[in-house]
Amino acid sequence: MLIAILVLAAGTFLIRLSGPLLRERISLSAHAEAVLKAGATVVLLALVATSAIVVDGAWAGWALPAGVLVGGVLAWRRAPLALVVVAAAATTALLRLAGID
């Protein structure tokens, strides 16, 4: 078990180290860089969407996606992080309190 952990740790370290080391040796076209940036954004949005819509393998209800939406809009508008978190949590809590699950 310890050997597996050490091998995985070394592999993770080498993968993370390869980015800065190879950045100067490999040049990507502007199109390729744009595609990679868009891909990262799509992956993050998919993660947020699946986390907000499905909880324990079932529909999360309307309150949680609404809270995530409020938080997302505030973050997009560059609101302070504390406000984003409190507004998202308050939206979800108030909707659940109102019986909108």
PDB file of N, CA and C in Angstrom:
ATOM      1  N   MET A   1       0.824  -1.190   0.000  1.00  0.00           N
ATOM      2  CA  MET A   1       0.000   0.000   0.000  1.00  0.00           C
ATOM      3  C   MET A   1       0.872   1.258   0.000  1.00  0.00           C
ATOM      4  N   LEU A   2       1.925   1.246   0.784  1.00  0.00           N
ATOM      5  CA  LEU A   2       2.811   2.397   0.875  1.00  0.00           C
ATOM      6  C   LEU A   2       3.511   2.650  -0.464  1.00  0.00           C
ATOM      7  N   ILE A   3       3.878   1.573  -1.147  1.00  0.00           N
ATOM      8  CA  ILE A   3       4.539   1.725  -2.446  1.00  0.00           C
ATOM      9  C   ILE A   3       3.585   2.378  -3.443  1.00  0.00           C
ATOM     10  N   ALA A   4       2.332   1.965  -3.435  1.00  0.00           N
ATOM     11  CA  ALA A   4       1.341   2.549  -4.349  1.00  0.00           C
ATOM     12  C   ALA A   4       1.164   4.037  -4.061  1.00  0.00           C
ATOM     13  N   ILE A   5       1.113   4.407  -2.807  1.00  0.00           N
ATOM     14  CA  ILE A   5       0.966   5.822  -2.437  1.00  0.00           C
ATOM     15  C   ILE A   5       2.174   6.622  -2.905  1.00  0.00           C
ATOM     16  N   LEU A   6       3.365   6.079  -2.705  1.00  0.00           N
ATOM     17  CA  LEU A   6       4.570   6.788  -3.127  1.00  0.00           C
ATOM     18  C   LEU A   6       4.649   6.927  -4.641  1.00  0.00           C
ATOM     19  N   VAL A   7       4.260   5.879  -5.372  1.00  0.00           N
ATOM     20  CA  VAL A   7       4.279   5.943  -6.838  1.00  0.00           C
ATOM     21  C   VAL A   7       3.271   6.983  -7.334  1.00  0.00           C
ATOM     22  N   LEU A   8       2.066   6.984  -6.773  1.00  0.00           N
ATOM     23  CA  LEU A   8       1.067   7.961  -7.178  1.00  0.00           C
ATOM     24  C   LEU A   8       1.491   9.383  -6.813  1.00  0.00           C
ATOM     25  N   ALA A   9       2.108   9.550  -5.652  1.00  0.00           N
ATOM     26  CA  ALA A   9       2.592  10.879  -5.254  1.00  0.00           C
ATOM     27  C   ALA A   9       3.682  11.364  -6.200  1.00  0.00           C
ATOM     28  N   ALA A  10       4.596  10.480  -6.553  1.00  0.00           N
ATOM     29  CA  ALA A  10       5.668  10.862  -7.486  1.00  0.00           C
ATOM     30  C   ALA A  10       5.097  11.191  -8.857  1.00  0.00           C
ATOM     31  N   GLY A  11       4.156  10.413  -9.326  1.00  0.00           N
ATOM     32  CA  GLY A  11       3.530  10.685 -10.620  1.00  0.00           C
ATOM     33  C   GLY A  11       2.803  12.019 -10.625  1.00  0.00           C
ATOM     34  N   THR A  12       2.081  12.304  -9.548  1.00  0.00           N
ATOM     35  CA  THR A  12       1.388  13.591  -9.441  1.00  0.00           C
ATOM     36  C   THR A  12       2.381  14.742  -9.449  1.00  0.00           C
ATOM     37  N   PHE A  13       3.446  14.595  -8.699  1.00  0.00           N
ATOM     38  CA  PHE A  13       4.476  15.634  -8.647  1.00  0.00           C
ATOM     39  C   PHE A  13       5.100  15.863 -10.021  1.00  0.00           C
ATOM     40  N   LEU A  14       5.419  14.781 -10.725  1.00  0.00           N
ATOM     41  CA  LEU A  14       6.035  14.907 -12.046  1.00  0.00           C
ATOM     42  C   LEU A  14       5.094  15.546 -13.072  1.00  0.00           C
ATOM     43  N   ILE A  15       3.829  15.211 -12.996  1.00  0.00           N
ATOM     44  CA  ILE A  15       2.860  15.824 -13.908  1.00  0.00           C
ATOM     45  C   ILE A  15       2.757  17.321 -13.632  1.00  0.00           C
ATOM     46  N   ARG A  16       2.711  17.695 -12.366  1.00  0.00           N
ATOM     47  CA  ARG A  16       2.625  19.116 -12.018  1.00  0.00           C
ATOM     48  C   ARG A  16       3.910  19.852 -12.394  1.00  0.00           C
ATOM     49  N   LEU A  17       5.023  19.193 -12.265  1.00  0.00           N
ATOM     50  CA  LEU A  17       6.307  19.806 -12.607  1.00  0.00           C
ATOM     51  C   LEU A  17       6.483  19.947 -14.118  1.00  0.00           C
ATOM     52  N   SER A  18       5.873  19.058 -14.878  1.00  0.00           N
ATOM     53  CA  SER A  18       6.044  19.095 -16.335  1.00  0.00           C
ATOM     54  C   SER A  18       5.477  20.366 -16.954  1.00  0.00           C
ATOM     55  N   GLY A  19       4.455  20.944 -16.374  1.00  0.00           N
ATOM     56  CA  GLY A  19       3.871  22.163 -16.921  1.00  0.00           C
ATOM     57  C   GLY A  19       4.878  23.302 -17.016  1.00  0.00           C
ATOM     58  N   PRO A  20       5.457  23.712 -15.891  1.00  0.00           N
ATOM     59  CA  PRO A  20       6.447  24.799 -15.975  1.00  0.00           C
ATOM     60  C   PRO A  20       7.685  24.431 -16.790  1.00  0.00           C
ATOM     61  N   LEU A  21       8.101  23.170 -16.738  1.00  0.00           N
ATOM     62  CA  LEU A  21       9.305  22.785 -17.475  1.00  0.00           C
ATOM     63  C   LEU A  21       9.086  22.750 -18.987  1.00  0.00           C
ATOM     64  N   LEU A  22       7.918  22.335 -19.411  1.00  0.00           N
ATOM     65  CA  LEU A  22       7.652  22.201 -20.842  1.00  0.00           C
ATOM     66  C   LEU A  22       7.042  23.461 -21.457  1.00  0.00           C
ATOM     67  N   ARG A  23       6.638  24.411 -20.655  1.00  0.00           N
ATOM     68  CA  ARG A  23       5.996  25.616 -21.174  1.00  0.00           C
ATOM     69  C   ARG A  23       6.886  26.365 -22.169  1.00  0.00           C
ATOM     70  N   GLU A  24       8.153  26.429 -21.884  1.00  0.00           N
ATOM     71  CA  GLU A  24       9.065  27.156 -22.770  1.00  0.00           C
ATOM     72  C   GLU A  24       9.463  26.334 -23.998  1.00  0.00           C
ATOM     73  N   ARG A  25       9.361  25.026 -23.920  1.00  0.00           N
ATOM     74  CA  ARG A  25       9.784  24.173 -25.036  1.00  0.00           C
ATOM     75  C   ARG A  25       8.668  23.913 -26.043  1.00  0.00           C
ATOM     76  N   ILE A  26       7.443  23.934 -25.595  1.00  0.00           N
ATOM     77  CA  ILE A  26       6.318  23.630 -26.476  1.00  0.00           C
ATOM     78  C   ILE A  26       5.502  24.906 -26.671  1.00  0.00           C
ATOM     79  N   SER A  27       5.273  25.252 -27.916  1.00  0.00           N
ATOM     80  CA  SER A  27       4.443  26.431 -28.184  1.00  0.00           C
ATOM     81  C   SER A  27       3.143  25.978 -28.836  1.00  0.00           C
ATOM     82  N   LEU A  28       2.067  26.539 -28.363  1.00  0.00           N
ATOM     83  CA  LEU A  28       0.751  26.213 -28.894  1.00  0.00           C
ATOM     84  C   LEU A  28       0.251  27.383 -29.732  1.00  0.00           C
ATOM     85  N   SER A  29      -0.561  27.064 -30.700  1.00  0.00           N
ATOM     86  CA  SER A  29      -1.150  28.135 -31.504  1.00  0.00           C
ATOM     87  C   SER A  29      -2.177  28.879 -30.663  1.00  0.00           C
ATOM     88  N   ALA A  30      -2.556  30.040 -31.116  1.00  0.00           N
ATOM     89  CA  ALA A  30      -3.556  30.839 -30.397  1.00  0.00           C
ATOM     90  C   ALA A  30      -4.882  30.090 -30.328  1.00  0.00           C
ATOM     91  N   HIS A  31      -5.204  29.385 -31.402  1.00  0.00           N
ATOM     92  CA  HIS A  31      -6.451  28.606 -31.418  1.00  0.00           C
ATOM     93  C   HIS A  31      -6.415  27.488 -30.377  1.00  0.00           C
ATOM     94  N   ALA A  32      -5.292  26.781 -30.288  1.00  0.00           N
ATOM     95  CA  ALA A  32      -5.169  25.686 -29.323  1.00  0.00           C
ATOM     96  C   ALA A  32      -5.269  26.216 -27.895  1.00  0.00           C
ATOM     97  N   GLU A  33      -4.637  27.339 -27.621  1.00  0.00           N
ATOM     98  CA  GLU A  33      -4.735  27.928 -26.282  1.00  0.00           C
ATOM     99  C   GLU A  33      -6.159  28.345 -25.960  1.00  0.00           C
ATOM    100  N   ALA A  34      -6.860  28.901 -26.934  1.00  0.00           N
ATOM    101  CA  ALA A  34      -8.253  29.297 -26.720  1.00  0.00           C
ATOM    102  C   ALA A  34      -9.131  28.079 -26.445  1.00  0.00           C
ATOM    103  N   VAL A  35      -8.887  26.994 -27.173  1.00  0.00           N
ATOM    104  CA  VAL A  35      -9.665  25.766 -26.959  1.00  0.00           C
ATOM    105  C   VAL A  35      -9.399  25.196 -25.570  1.00  0.00           C
ATOM    106  N   LEU A  36      -8.149  25.199 -25.129  1.00  0.00           N
ATOM    107  CA  LEU A  36      -7.820  24.684 -23.801  1.00  0.00           C
ATOM    108  C   LEU A  36      -8.453  25.537 -22.695  1.00  0.00           C
ATOM    109  N   LYS A  37      -8.441  26.853 -22.859  1.00  0.00           N
ATOM    110  CA  LYS A  37      -9.079  27.718 -21.863  1.00  0.00           C
ATOM    111  C   LYS A  37     -10.583  27.482 -21.823  1.00  0.00           C
ATOM    112  N   ALA A  38     -11.196  27.356 -22.994  1.00  0.00           N
ATOM    113  CA  ALA A  38     -12.632  27.094 -23.039  1.00  0.00           C
ATOM    114  C   ALA A  38     -12.943  25.724 -22.441  1.00  0.00           C
ATOM    115  N   GLY A  39     -12.089  24.756 -22.693  1.00  0.00           N
ATOM    116  CA  GLY A  39     -12.291  23.417 -22.134  1.00  0.00           C
ATOM    117  C   GLY A  39     -12.259  23.420 -20.622  1.00  0.00           C
ATOM    118  N   ALA A  40     -11.339  24.178 -20.042  1.00  0.00           N
ATOM    119  CA  ALA A  40     -11.264  24.264 -18.588  1.00  0.00           C
ATOM    120  C   ALA A  40     -12.527  24.893 -18.022  1.00  0.00           C
ATOM    121  N   THR A  41     -13.026  25.911 -18.693  1.00  0.00           N
ATOM    122  CA  THR A  41     -14.262  26.560 -18.247  1.00  0.00           C
ATOM    123  C   THR A  41     -15.438  25.609 -18.332  1.00  0.00           C
ATOM    124  N   VAL A  42     -15.525  24.856 -19.400  1.00  0.00           N
ATOM    125  CA  VAL A  42     -16.625  23.909 -19.577  1.00  0.00           C
ATOM    126  C   VAL A  42     -16.584  22.826 -18.502  1.00  0.00           C
ATOM    127  N   VAL A  43     -15.408  22.328 -18.185  1.00  0.00           N
ATOM    128  CA  VAL A  43     -15.284  21.298 -17.145  1.00  0.00           C
ATOM    129  C   VAL A  43     -15.737  21.847 -15.791  1.00  0.00           C
ATOM    130  N   LEU A  44     -15.328  23.068 -15.457  1.00  0.00           N
ATOM    131  CA  LEU A  44     -15.751  23.656 -14.187  1.00  0.00           C
ATOM    132  C   LEU A  44     -17.259  23.889 -14.146  1.00  0.00           C
ATOM    133  N   LEU A  45     -17.835  24.363 -15.229  1.00  0.00           N
ATOM    134  CA  LEU A  45     -19.281  24.572 -15.271  1.00  0.00           C
ATOM    135  C   LEU A  45     -20.040  23.253 -15.173  1.00  0.00           C
ATOM    136  N   ALA A  46     -19.532  22.220 -15.798  1.00  0.00           N
ATOM    137  CA  ALA A  46     -20.175  20.908 -15.696  1.00  0.00           C
ATOM    138  C   ALA A  46     -20.123  20.385 -14.269  1.00  0.00           C
ATOM    139  N   LEU A  47     -19.017  20.600 -13.592  1.00  0.00           N
ATOM    140  CA  LEU A  47     -18.897  20.184 -12.202  1.00  0.00           C
ATOM    141  C   LEU A  47     -19.890  20.929 -11.322  1.00  0.00           C
ATOM    142  N   VAL A  48     -20.003  22.224 -11.517  1.00  0.00           N
ATOM    143  CA  VAL A  48     -20.957  23.019 -10.738  1.00  0.00           C
ATOM    144  C   VAL A  48     -22.384  22.570 -11.036  1.00  0.00           C
ATOM    145  N   ALA A  49     -22.695  22.368 -12.300  1.00  0.00           N
ATOM    146  CA  ALA A  49     -24.052  21.969 -12.677  1.00  0.00           C
ATOM    147  C   ALA A  49     -24.432  20.626 -12.071  1.00  0.00           C
ATOM    148  N   THR A  50     -23.554  19.646 -12.168  1.00  0.00           N
ATOM    149  CA  THR A  50     -23.894  18.331 -11.620  1.00  0.00           C
ATOM    150  C   THR A  50     -23.968  18.364 -10.103  1.00  0.00           C
ATOM    151  N   SER A  51     -23.162  19.192  -9.462  1.00  0.00           N
ATOM    152  CA  SER A  51     -23.212  19.295  -8.005  1.00  0.00           C
ATOM    153  C   SER A  51     -24.473  20.005  -7.542  1.00  0.00           C
ATOM    154  N   ALA A  52     -24.979  20.918  -8.345  1.00  0.00           N
ATOM    155  CA  ALA A  52     -26.160  21.690  -7.957  1.00  0.00           C
ATOM    156  C   ALA A  52     -27.463  20.997  -8.311  1.00  0.00           C
ATOM    157  N   ILE A  53     -27.443  20.104  -9.266  1.00  0.00           N
ATOM    158  CA  ILE A  53     -28.685  19.498  -9.743  1.00  0.00           C
ATOM    159  C   ILE A  53     -28.928  18.125  -9.131  1.00  0.00           C
ATOM    160  N   VAL A  54     -27.874  17.387  -8.859  1.00  0.00           N
ATOM    161  CA  VAL A  54     -28.023  16.019  -8.347  1.00  0.00           C
ATOM    162  C   VAL A  54     -27.371  15.912  -6.975  1.00  0.00           C
ATOM    163  N   VAL A  55     -28.130  15.407  -6.004  1.00  0.00           N
ATOM    164  CA  VAL A  55     -27.599  15.150  -4.664  1.00  0.00           C
ATOM    165  C   VAL A  55     -27.957  13.714  -4.303  1.00  0.00           C
ATOM    166  N   ASP A  56     -26.970  12.921  -3.974  1.00  0.00           N
ATOM    167  CA  ASP A  56     -27.159  11.502  -3.644  1.00  0.00           C
ATOM    168  C   ASP A  56     -27.884  10.740  -4.752  1.00  0.00           C
ATOM    169  N   GLY A  57     -27.610  11.089  -5.988  1.00  0.00           N
ATOM    170  CA  GLY A  57     -28.184  10.372  -7.116  1.00  0.00           C
ATOM    171  C   GLY A  57     -29.603  10.747  -7.462  1.00  0.00           C
ATOM    172  N   ALA A  58     -30.143  11.765  -6.831  1.00  0.00           N
ATOM    173  CA  ALA A  58     -31.523  12.170  -7.095  1.00  0.00           C
ATOM    174  C   ALA A  58     -31.592  13.677  -7.327  1.00  0.00           C
ATOM    175  N   TRP A  59     -32.697  14.122  -7.893  1.00  0.00           N
ATOM    176  CA  TRP A  59     -32.924  15.547  -8.155  1.00  0.00           C
ATOM    177  C   TRP A  59     -32.802  16.331  -6.867  1.00  0.00           C
ATOM    178  N   ALA A  60     -32.065  17.415  -6.887  1.00  0.00           N
ATOM    179  CA  ALA A  60     -31.793  18.214  -5.690  1.00  0.00           C
ATOM    180  C   ALA A  60     -32.942  19.138  -5.333  1.00  0.00           C
ATOM    181  N   GLY A  61     -33.912  19.307  -6.198  1.00  0.00           N
ATOM    182  CA  GLY A  61     -34.992  20.259  -5.960  1.00  0.00           C
ATOM    183  C   GLY A  61     -34.610  21.616  -6.542  1.00  0.00           C
ATOM    184  N   TRP A  62     -35.486  22.588  -6.365  1.00  0.00           N
ATOM    185  CA  TRP A  62     -35.271  23.901  -6.968  1.00  0.00           C
ATOM    186  C   TRP A  62     -34.446  24.831  -6.098  1.00  0.00           C
ATOM    187  N   ALA A  63     -34.405  24.607  -4.796  1.00  0.00           N
ATOM    188  CA  ALA A  63     -33.733  25.541  -3.891  1.00  0.00           C
ATOM    189  C   ALA A  63     -32.216  25.571  -4.122  1.00  0.00           C
ATOM    190  N   LEU A  64     -31.603  24.430  -4.219  1.00  0.00           N
ATOM    191  CA  LEU A  64     -30.143  24.379  -4.389  1.00  0.00           C
ATOM    192  C   LEU A  64     -29.682  24.984  -5.723  1.00  0.00           C
ATOM    193  N   PRO A  65     -30.285  24.626  -6.853  1.00  0.00           N
ATOM    194  CA  PRO A  65     -29.862  25.286  -8.097  1.00  0.00           C
ATOM    195  C   PRO A  65     -30.108  26.796  -8.081  1.00  0.00           C
ATOM    196  N   ALA A  66     -31.181  27.227  -7.421  1.00  0.00           N
ATOM    197  CA  ALA A  66     -31.442  28.669  -7.339  1.00  0.00           C
ATOM    198  C   ALA A  66     -30.354  29.356  -6.527  1.00  0.00           C
ATOM    199  N   GLY A  67     -29.937  28.752  -5.428  1.00  0.00           N
ATOM    200  CA  GLY A  67     -28.846  29.322  -4.632  1.00  0.00           C
ATOM    201  C   GLY A  67     -27.544  29.370  -5.402  1.00  0.00           C
ATOM    202  N   VAL A  68     -27.258  28.318  -6.150  1.00  0.00           N
ATOM    203  CA  VAL A  68     -26.038  28.295  -6.969  1.00  0.00           C
ATOM    204  C   VAL A  68     -26.117  29.367  -8.053  1.00  0.00           C
ATOM    205  N   LEU A  69     -27.284  29.544  -8.632  1.00  0.00           N
ATOM    206  CA  LEU A  69     -27.463  30.575  -9.651  1.00  0.00           C
ATOM    207  C   LEU A  69     -27.229  31.973  -9.073  1.00  0.00           C
ATOM    208  N   VAL A  70     -27.790  32.239  -7.903  1.00  0.00           N
ATOM    209  CA  VAL A  70     -27.586  33.541  -7.261  1.00  0.00           C
ATOM    210  C   VAL A  70     -26.099  33.754  -6.970  1.00  0.00           C
ATOM    211  N   GLY A  71     -25.455  32.742  -6.419  1.00  0.00           N
ATOM    212  CA  GLY A  71     -24.022  32.852  -6.148  1.00  0.00           C
ATOM    213  C   GLY A  71     -23.208  33.048  -7.413  1.00  0.00           C
ATOM    214  N   GLY A  72     -23.578  32.340  -8.467  1.00  0.00           N
ATOM    215  CA  GLY A  72     -22.861  32.466  -9.745  1.00  0.00           C
ATOM    216  C   GLY A  72     -22.998  33.858 -10.350  1.00  0.00           C
ATOM    217  N   VAL A  73     -24.199  34.396 -10.295  1.00  0.00           N
ATOM    218  CA  VAL A  73     -24.412  35.744 -10.842  1.00  0.00           C
ATOM    219  C   VAL A  73     -23.631  36.776 -10.038  1.00  0.00           C
ATOM    220  N   LEU A  74     -23.656  36.659  -8.718  1.00  0.00           N
ATOM    221  CA  LEU A  74     -22.902  37.607  -7.886  1.00  0.00           C
ATOM    222  C   LEU A  74     -21.396  37.472  -8.117  1.00  0.00           C
ATOM    223  N   ALA A  75     -20.915  36.246  -8.266  1.00  0.00           N
ATOM    224  CA  ALA A  75     -19.488  36.052  -8.542  1.00  0.00           C
ATOM    225  C   ALA A  75     -19.125  36.627  -9.904  1.00  0.00           C
ATOM    226  N   TRP A  76     -19.996  36.428 -10.882  1.00  0.00           N
ATOM    227  CA  TRP A  76     -19.763  36.970 -12.212  1.00  0.00           C
ATOM    228  C   TRP A  76     -19.721  38.502 -12.186  1.00  0.00           C
ATOM    229  N   ARG A  77     -20.528  39.098 -11.309  1.00  0.00           N
ATOM    230  CA  ARG A  77     -20.547  40.552 -11.170  1.00  0.00           C
ATOM    231  C   ARG A  77     -19.431  41.056 -10.248  1.00  0.00           C
ATOM    232  N   ARG A  78     -18.547  40.136  -9.838  1.00  0.00           N
ATOM    233  CA  ARG A  78     -17.377  40.432  -9.011  1.00  0.00           C
ATOM    234  C   ARG A  78     -17.736  40.956  -7.623  1.00  0.00           C
ATOM    235  N   ALA A  79     -18.769  40.378  -7.025  1.00  0.00           N
ATOM    236  CA  ALA A  79     -19.131  40.719  -5.651  1.00  0.00           C
ATOM    237  C   ALA A  79     -18.108  40.082  -4.707  1.00  0.00           C
ATOM    238  N   PRO A  80     -17.972  40.614  -3.504  1.00  0.00           N
ATOM    239  CA  PRO A  80     -17.046  40.008  -2.543  1.00  0.00           C
ATOM    240  C   PRO A  80     -17.440  38.556  -2.235  1.00  0.00           C
ATOM    241  N   LEU A  81     -16.445  37.727  -1.985  1.00  0.00           N
ATOM    242  CA  LEU A  81     -16.685  36.299  -1.760  1.00  0.00           C
ATOM    243  C   LEU A  81     -17.652  36.056  -0.613  1.00  0.00           C
ATOM    244  N   ALA A  82     -17.509  36.813   0.470  1.00  0.00           N
ATOM    245  CA  ALA A  82     -18.408  36.623   1.616  1.00  0.00           C
ATOM    246  C   ALA A  82     -19.860  36.874   1.210  1.00  0.00           C
ATOM    247  N   LEU A  83     -20.093  37.892   0.413  1.00  0.00           N
ATOM    248  CA  LEU A  83     -21.448  38.191  -0.054  1.00  0.00           C
ATOM    249  C   LEU A  83     -21.969  37.080  -0.955  1.00  0.00           C
ATOM    250  N   VAL A  84     -21.133  36.557  -1.811  1.00  0.00           N
ATOM    251  CA  VAL A  84     -21.534  35.466  -2.710  1.00  0.00           C
ATOM    252  C   VAL A  84     -21.979  34.254  -1.902  1.00  0.00           C
ATOM    253  N   VAL A  85     -21.173  33.876  -0.926  1.00  0.00           N
ATOM    254  CA  VAL A  85     -21.483  32.685  -0.119  1.00  0.00           C
ATOM    255  C   VAL A  85     -22.743  32.894   0.704  1.00  0.00           C
ATOM    256  N   VAL A  86     -22.847  34.037   1.367  1.00  0.00           N
ATOM    257  CA  VAL A  86     -24.009  34.308   2.223  1.00  0.00           C
ATOM    258  C   VAL A  86     -25.279  34.406   1.388  1.00  0.00           C
ATOM    259  N   ALA A  87     -25.219  35.076   0.246  1.00  0.00           N
ATOM    260  CA  ALA A  87     -26.411  35.211  -0.596  1.00  0.00           C
ATOM    261  C   ALA A  87     -26.858  33.865  -1.151  1.00  0.00           C
ATOM    262  N   ALA A  88     -25.917  33.046  -1.575  1.00  0.00           N
ATOM    263  CA  ALA A  88     -26.278  31.720  -2.095  1.00  0.00           C
ATOM    264  C   ALA A  88     -26.894  30.853  -1.004  1.00  0.00           C
ATOM    265  N   ALA A  89     -26.276  30.852   0.166  1.00  0.00           N
ATOM    266  CA  ALA A  89     -26.811  30.053   1.278  1.00  0.00           C
ATOM    267  C   ALA A  89     -28.164  30.582   1.732  1.00  0.00           C
ATOM    268  N   ALA A  90     -28.314  31.901   1.796  1.00  0.00           N
ATOM    269  CA  ALA A  90     -29.581  32.486   2.224  1.00  0.00           C
ATOM    270  C   ALA A  90     -30.694  32.194   1.221  1.00  0.00           C
ATOM    271  N   THR A  91     -30.376  32.267  -0.055  1.00  0.00           N
ATOM    272  CA  THR A  91     -31.374  31.954  -1.081  1.00  0.00           C
ATOM    273  C   THR A  91     -31.848  30.519  -0.949  1.00  0.00           C
ATOM    274  N   THR A  92     -30.915  29.610  -0.810  1.00  0.00           N
ATOM    275  CA  THR A  92     -31.283  28.196  -0.660  1.00  0.00           C
ATOM    276  C   THR A  92     -32.097  27.977   0.609  1.00  0.00           C
ATOM    277  N   ALA A  93     -31.658  28.562   1.722  1.00  0.00           N
ATOM    278  CA  ALA A  93     -32.350  28.373   2.995  1.00  0.00           C
ATOM    279  C   ALA A  93     -33.751  28.970   2.973  1.00  0.00           C
ATOM    280  N   LEU A  94     -33.891  30.168   2.421  1.00  0.00           N
ATOM    281  CA  LEU A  94     -35.206  30.811   2.384  1.00  0.00           C
ATOM    282  C   LEU A  94     -36.179  30.069   1.473  1.00  0.00           C
ATOM    283  N   LEU A  95     -35.689  29.564   0.359  1.00  0.00           N
ATOM    284  CA  LEU A  95     -36.564  28.787  -0.514  1.00  0.00           C
ATOM    285  C   LEU A  95     -36.999  27.486   0.159  1.00  0.00           C
ATOM    286  N   ARG A  96     -36.087  26.853   0.859  1.00  0.00           N
ATOM    287  CA  ARG A  96     -36.459  25.625   1.588  1.00  0.00           C
ATOM    288  C   ARG A  96     -37.423  25.932   2.724  1.00  0.00           C
ATOM    289  N   LEU A  97     -37.226  27.062   3.398  1.00  0.00           N
ATOM    290  CA  LEU A  97     -38.128  27.483   4.468  1.00  0.00           C
ATOM    291  C   LEU A  97     -39.523  27.770   3.920  1.00  0.00           C
ATOM    292  N   ALA A  98     -39.574  28.296   2.710  1.00  0.00           N
ATOM    293  CA  ALA A  98     -40.858  28.586   2.071  1.00  0.00           C
ATOM    294  C   ALA A  98     -41.528  27.332   1.510  1.00  0.00           C
ATOM    295  N   GLY A  99     -40.871  26.208   1.623  1.00  0.00           N
ATOM    296  CA  GLY A  99     -41.456  24.960   1.153  1.00  0.00           C
ATOM    297  C   GLY A  99     -41.104  24.594  -0.273  1.00  0.00           C
ATOM    298  N   ILE A 100     -40.244  25.392  -0.889  1.00  0.00           N
ATOM    299  CA  ILE A 100     -39.792  25.079  -2.249  1.00  0.00           C
ATOM    300  C   ILE A 100     -38.534  24.233  -2.116  1.00  0.00           C
ATOM    301  N   ASP A 101     -38.697  22.960  -2.361  1.00  0.00           N
ATOM    302  CA  ASP A 101     -37.564  22.058  -2.163  1.00  0.00           C
ATOM    303  C   ASP A 101     -36.844  21.914  -3.402  1.00  0.00           C
TER     304      ASP A 101
END
